[in-house]
Amino acid sequence: MRMANPSGFAVLLKKAPLVGAFFVGAIWHLPALAFCPVPDQPQRVAVRQVVDGDTLRLTDGRSVRMIGINAPEIGRKGQPSEPYAEAARQRLQALVKASDGRLGLAPGVQGKDKYGRTLAHVYDRSGNNLEAQLLSEGLGFRVAVAPNVRLVGCQRAAEQVARNQRAGLWGNSPVLRAERVKQSGFAVLTGTVGNIERNRGGVWLELDRRVVLQIPARLQPSFPARFFDNLKGRQVEVRGWVKDRSRQGGLKPGQRRWVLPLTDPSMLERTSSRKM
């Protein structure tokens, strides 16, 4: 993931090489929490390589993108790694090693992503869900992309453990005010919902007059009928991949520059009562 960079997070980025080793040593002593039960008959696979905190390469040649977690991005092409990216990869390597490189896969409803990677939930030999384990230690952000949303509830609970303990990424809050968005990439934002509009492209919610939340028409059936009731004026927390419209052929008059598509209702949470 490439995350929008709030102030404070940039400072953490500079310190990442120093804090990483300490952090990894500390979190490995947290108890394993089996938030998400193993399915009856997972596919048995062997791991050849841990690519990063949410991606594995198997001995059969497949690349597996773990469902429900977005880990910090490893630096490439001269770019620095994001905070805790190396810690997330090392932790996943340790979990895989503890399982002798043998894991269970539960493929998603959507079996592959646009890069051809297999989308699956991953379990160790004891039946522990590895996405939930990493989330509970603050080594990634919970994400939900329909239709692969079967474990949203238990993964939310896992992430909440890390938030409550201020572990990993949550030690220095990554939540950014929508009005301060300045770049594209994954972000957790907070702000107040303004105008709500509907058209052929879907539903559009204005956030702090800075970011537009889009629910694409194809995903609207995933959102409950009453999802938008009393939403205007409410403070919310949202997460997803911010896009820069100015890089997509320019802005039309009256449009906001920043767009964040919502891929599941759980990617938006109400955090306060409606403002009058």
Protein backbone atom coordinates (compact mmCIF):
# COMPACT_ATOMS: atom_id res chain seq x y z
CA MET A 1 0.00 0.00 0.00
CA ARG A 2 1.09 3.59 -0.49
CA MET A 3 -0.51 5.64 2.22
CA ALA A 4 -1.49 9.30 2.24
CA ASN A 5 1.04 10.86 4.59
CA PRO A 6 -0.40 12.80 7.57
CA SER A 7 1.84 14.94 9.73
CA GLY A 8 3.33 12.85 12.51
CA PHE A 9 3.27 9.82 10.23
CA ALA A 10 6.08 11.41 8.24
CA VAL A 11 8.11 11.69 11.42
CA LEU A 12 7.44 8.04 12.14
CA LEU A 13 8.64 7.19 8.65
CA LYS A 14 12.02 8.76 9.40
CA LYS A 15 12.29 6.77 12.61
CA ALA A 16 11.14 3.46 11.12
CA PRO A 17 14.63 1.90 10.77
CA LEU A 18 15.27 2.64 14.44
CA VAL A 19 11.98 1.52 15.90
CA GLY A 20 11.44 -1.51 13.67
CA ALA A 21 13.74 -3.94 15.46
CA PHE A 22 12.45 -2.97 18.89
CA PHE A 23 8.86 -3.16 17.76
CA VAL A 24 9.21 -6.61 16.24
CA GLY A 25 10.84 -7.95 19.38
CA ALA A 26 8.03 -6.54 21.49
CA ILE A 27 5.02 -7.69 19.50
CA TRP A 28 6.16 -11.27 19.10
CA HIS A 29 5.36 -11.79 22.74
CA LEU A 30 1.69 -10.89 22.33
CA PRO A 31 -0.65 -13.90 22.60
CA ALA A 32 -2.00 -15.40 19.38
CA LEU A 33 -5.69 -14.56 19.03
CA ALA A 34 -7.82 -16.82 16.84
CA PHE A 35 -10.39 -14.23 15.77
CA CYS A 36 -11.50 -15.86 12.53
CA PRO A 37 -12.27 -19.61 12.61
CA VAL A 38 -10.70 -21.87 10.02
CA PRO A 39 -13.04 -23.25 7.31
CA ASP A 40 -13.73 -26.99 7.20
CA GLN A 41 -11.48 -27.84 4.25
CA PRO A 42 -8.86 -25.20 3.44
CA GLN A 43 -6.51 -25.77 0.52
CA ARG A 44 -3.15 -27.08 1.75
CA VAL A 45 -0.22 -25.15 0.28
CA ALA A 46 3.49 -24.61 0.79
CA VAL A 47 5.09 -21.16 0.90
CA ARG A 48 8.22 -20.34 -1.10
CA GLN A 49 8.57 -16.66 -0.19
CA VAL A 50 6.98 -13.94 1.93
CA VAL A 51 6.89 -10.94 -0.39
CA ASP A 52 5.60 -8.40 2.12
CA GLY A 53 3.15 -8.12 5.00
CA ASP A 54 0.13 -9.21 2.97
CA THR A 55 1.49 -11.19 0.01
CA LEU A 56 2.92 -14.71 -0.28
CA ARG A 57 4.48 -16.67 -3.13
CA LEU A 58 3.73 -20.39 -3.13
CA THR A 59 5.85 -23.30 -4.31
CA ASP A 60 3.23 -24.00 -7.02
CA GLY A 61 4.00 -20.57 -8.53
CA ARG A 62 0.91 -18.71 -7.35
CA SER A 63 1.07 -15.32 -5.63
CA VAL A 64 -1.45 -14.94 -2.82
CA ARG A 65 -2.87 -11.60 -1.71
CA MET A 66 -4.31 -12.00 1.78
CA ILE A 67 -7.93 -10.86 2.04
CA GLY A 68 -8.89 -8.18 4.55
CA ILE A 69 -5.53 -6.61 5.35
CA ASN A 70 -3.51 -3.84 3.71
CA ALA A 71 0.03 -3.93 5.05
CA PRO A 72 2.52 -1.04 4.77
CA GLU A 73 4.37 -0.99 1.48
CA ILE A 74 7.96 -2.12 1.10
CA GLY A 75 10.06 0.58 -0.57
CA ARG A 76 10.95 -0.04 -4.22
CA LYS A 77 12.68 1.88 -7.01
CA GLY A 78 14.40 4.22 -4.58
CA GLN A 79 11.29 4.85 -2.46
CA PRO A 80 11.57 4.34 1.32
CA SER A 81 9.51 1.66 3.00
CA GLU A 82 6.46 2.82 4.89
CA PRO A 83 6.49 2.60 8.70
CA TYR A 84 6.33 -1.00 9.93
CA ALA A 85 6.53 -2.45 6.41
CA GLU A 86 9.64 -4.46 7.28
CA ALA A 87 8.20 -5.39 10.67
CA ALA A 88 5.03 -6.71 8.99
CA ARG A 89 7.04 -8.80 6.51
CA GLN A 90 9.29 -10.19 9.24
CA ARG A 91 6.31 -11.04 11.42
CA LEU A 92 4.57 -12.85 8.57
CA GLN A 93 7.82 -14.70 7.82
CA ALA A 94 7.95 -15.82 11.46
CA LEU A 95 4.32 -16.98 11.40
CA VAL A 96 4.94 -18.95 8.20
CA LYS A 97 8.13 -20.48 9.63
CA ALA A 98 6.32 -21.48 12.83
CA SER A 99 3.89 -23.38 10.60
CA ASP A 100 6.78 -25.10 8.77
CA GLY A 101 5.85 -23.22 5.63
CA ARG A 102 2.59 -25.16 5.38
CA LEU A 103 -0.59 -23.10 5.34
CA GLY A 104 -4.28 -23.40 4.59
CA LEU A 105 -6.01 -21.18 2.03
CA ALA A 106 -9.68 -20.24 1.91
CA PRO A 107 -10.18 -18.57 -1.50
CA GLY A 108 -12.44 -15.56 -1.78
CA VAL A 109 -15.68 -15.31 -3.72
CA GLN A 110 -13.64 -13.28 -6.16
CA GLY A 111 -10.70 -15.60 -6.72
CA LYS A 112 -8.15 -13.27 -8.32
CA ASP A 113 -7.30 -9.57 -8.36
CA LYS A 114 -6.46 -7.42 -11.39
CA TYR A 115 -2.82 -8.45 -11.10
CA GLY A 116 -3.65 -12.15 -11.33
CA ARG A 117 -2.89 -12.86 -7.68
CA THR A 118 -4.96 -15.42 -5.80
CA LEU A 119 -7.21 -13.77 -3.21
CA ALA A 120 -7.54 -15.88 -0.08
CA HIS A 121 -7.73 -15.98 3.70
CA VAL A 122 -4.64 -17.66 5.13
CA TYR A 123 -4.40 -19.99 8.14
CA ASP A 124 -1.49 -21.61 9.95
CA ARG A 125 -1.34 -25.30 10.83
CA SER A 126 -3.11 -24.60 14.15
CA GLY A 127 -6.06 -22.94 12.41
CA ASN A 128 -5.16 -19.35 13.31
CA ASN A 129 -6.05 -16.71 10.74
CA LEU A 130 -2.87 -14.85 9.81
CA GLU A 131 -4.60 -11.65 8.63
CA ALA A 132 -6.31 -11.32 12.00
CA GLN A 133 -3.03 -12.01 13.80
CA LEU A 134 -1.25 -9.21 11.94
CA LEU A 135 -4.19 -6.83 12.38
CA SER A 136 -4.27 -7.46 16.13
CA GLU A 137 -0.60 -6.43 16.32
CA GLY A 138 -1.05 -3.21 14.35
CA LEU A 139 0.89 -4.44 11.32
CA GLY A 140 -1.72 -3.55 8.73
CA PHE A 141 -5.08 -1.91 8.18
CA ARG A 142 -8.37 -3.76 7.93
CA VAL A 143 -9.91 -3.40 4.49
CA ALA A 144 -13.03 -4.87 2.90
CA VAL A 145 -13.52 -5.15 -0.83
CA ALA A 146 -16.81 -6.70 -1.93
CA PRO A 147 -17.54 -9.50 -2.56
CA ASN A 148 -14.68 -10.84 -0.38
CA VAL A 149 -16.13 -9.65 2.92
CA ARG A 150 -16.99 -12.87 4.79
CA LEU A 151 -14.62 -12.18 7.70
CA VAL A 152 -15.20 -8.44 8.11
CA GLY A 153 -16.58 -8.77 11.64
CA CYS A 154 -13.76 -10.81 13.15
CA GLN A 155 -11.10 -8.80 11.34
CA ARG A 156 -12.60 -5.58 12.70
CA ALA A 157 -12.36 -7.05 16.19
CA ALA A 158 -8.73 -7.99 15.59
CA GLU A 159 -7.80 -4.48 14.47
CA GLN A 160 -9.61 -2.99 17.44
CA VAL A 161 -7.25 -4.85 19.76
CA ALA A 162 -4.31 -3.04 18.17
CA ARG A 163 -6.10 0.31 18.34
CA ASN A 164 -6.95 -0.16 22.01
CA GLN A 165 -3.34 -1.09 22.81
CA ARG A 166 -1.88 1.58 20.49
CA ALA A 167 0.17 -1.17 18.90
CA GLY A 168 2.21 -0.76 15.75
CA LEU A 169 0.64 1.61 13.24
CA TRP A 170 -1.82 2.80 15.88
CA GLY A 171 0.90 3.99 18.27
CA ASN A 172 0.96 7.33 16.46
CA SER A 173 -2.53 7.64 15.02
CA PRO A 174 -2.57 7.41 11.22
CA VAL A 175 -6.10 8.86 11.01
CA LEU A 176 -6.04 12.02 8.90
CA ARG A 177 -8.56 14.85 8.71
CA ALA A 178 -10.12 14.85 5.25
CA GLU A 179 -9.40 18.55 4.88
CA ARG A 180 -5.67 17.77 5.05
CA VAL A 181 -5.49 15.23 2.22
CA LYS A 182 -2.67 16.18 -0.15
CA GLN A 183 -1.80 13.00 -2.03
CA SER A 184 -3.24 9.81 -3.42
CA GLY A 185 -2.81 6.43 -1.76
CA PHE A 186 -4.35 4.41 1.04
CA ALA A 187 -5.67 6.52 3.91
CA VAL A 188 -7.86 6.40 7.00
CA LEU A 189 -9.79 9.67 7.08
CA THR A 190 -12.15 11.42 9.42
CA GLY A 191 -14.52 14.24 8.58
CA THR A 192 -18.12 15.42 8.41
CA VAL A 193 -20.47 14.28 5.66
CA GLY A 194 -21.89 17.16 3.62
CA ASN A 195 -23.92 16.91 0.43
CA ILE A 196 -25.08 13.51 -0.79
CA GLU A 197 -25.80 13.13 -4.50
CA ARG A 198 -26.92 10.26 -6.71
CA ASN A 199 -26.39 9.78 -10.42
CA ARG A 200 -25.60 7.03 -12.92
CA GLY A 201 -22.07 6.74 -11.51
CA GLY A 202 -23.34 5.85 -8.06
CA VAL A 203 -23.70 7.75 -4.78
CA TRP A 204 -21.35 10.61 -3.91
CA LEU A 205 -20.78 11.91 -0.38
CA GLU A 206 -18.84 15.09 0.25
CA LEU A 207 -16.44 14.93 3.20
CA ASP A 208 -15.25 18.22 4.73
CA ARG A 209 -15.66 19.86 1.30
CA ARG A 210 -12.33 18.29 0.41
CA VAL A 211 -12.85 14.63 -0.44
CA VAL A 212 -15.70 12.91 -2.25
CA LEU A 213 -16.64 9.40 -1.17
CA GLN A 214 -17.95 7.37 -4.09
CA ILE A 215 -20.09 4.27 -3.91
CA PRO A 216 -19.93 2.92 -7.48
CA ALA A 217 -23.27 1.89 -8.98
CA ARG A 218 -22.10 -1.73 -9.29
CA LEU A 219 -21.50 -1.91 -5.51
CA GLN A 220 -24.70 -0.18 -4.37
CA PRO A 221 -26.49 -3.52 -3.80
CA SER A 222 -23.89 -4.25 -1.10
CA PHE A 223 -25.02 -1.21 0.91
CA PRO A 224 -28.17 -1.54 3.07
CA ALA A 225 -31.17 0.51 2.00
CA ARG A 226 -30.98 2.64 5.16
CA PHE A 227 -27.19 3.13 5.01
CA PHE A 228 -27.56 6.80 4.01
CA ASP A 229 -30.34 7.67 6.48
CA ASN A 230 -29.32 10.60 8.72
CA LEU A 231 -25.76 10.42 7.40
CA LYS A 232 -25.54 14.06 6.34
CA GLY A 233 -23.91 16.13 9.09
CA ARG A 234 -22.45 13.08 10.83
CA GLN A 235 -18.78 12.73 11.63
CA VAL A 236 -17.40 9.53 10.16
CA GLU A 237 -14.20 7.56 9.77
CA VAL A 238 -13.57 6.15 6.30
CA ARG A 239 -10.77 4.20 4.72
CA GLY A 240 -9.70 3.26 1.24
CA TRP A 241 -7.55 4.32 -1.67
CA VAL A 242 -7.66 8.06 -2.40
CA LYS A 243 -7.51 9.00 -6.08
CA ASP A 244 -6.38 12.30 -7.59
CA ARG A 245 -8.83 13.42 -10.27
CA SER A 246 -6.38 16.01 -11.56
CA ARG A 247 -4.25 13.15 -12.92
CA GLN A 248 -7.14 11.62 -14.80
CA GLY A 249 -7.68 14.22 -17.49
CA GLY A 250 -8.35 17.27 -15.36
CA LEU A 251 -11.17 18.42 -13.11
CA LYS A 252 -14.59 19.49 -14.27
CA PRO A 253 -15.99 22.73 -12.83
CA GLY A 254 -17.34 22.22 -9.32
CA GLN A 255 -15.67 18.83 -8.80
CA ARG A 256 -13.51 17.96 -5.81
CA ARG A 257 -9.97 16.87 -6.59
CA TRP A 258 -9.83 13.89 -4.23
CA VAL A 259 -12.07 10.81 -4.53
CA LEU A 260 -12.18 7.81 -2.21
CA PRO A 261 -14.28 4.88 -3.52
CA LEU A 262 -16.02 2.90 -0.77
CA THR A 263 -15.75 -0.82 -1.47
CA ASP A 264 -17.96 -2.08 1.40
CA PRO A 265 -20.25 -0.53 4.05
CA SER A 266 -17.72 -1.44 6.76
CA MET A 267 -15.22 0.99 5.21
CA LEU A 268 -17.31 3.83 6.71
CA GLU A 269 -18.05 4.07 10.43
CA ARG A 270 -20.05 6.77 12.18
CA THR A 271 -18.07 8.30 15.02
CA SER A 272 -20.44 10.98 16.39
CA SER A 273 -24.03 12.14 16.44
CA ARG A 274 -25.39 14.34 13.67
CA LYS A 275 -24.38 17.99 13.78
CA MET A 276 -27.29 20.44 13.78
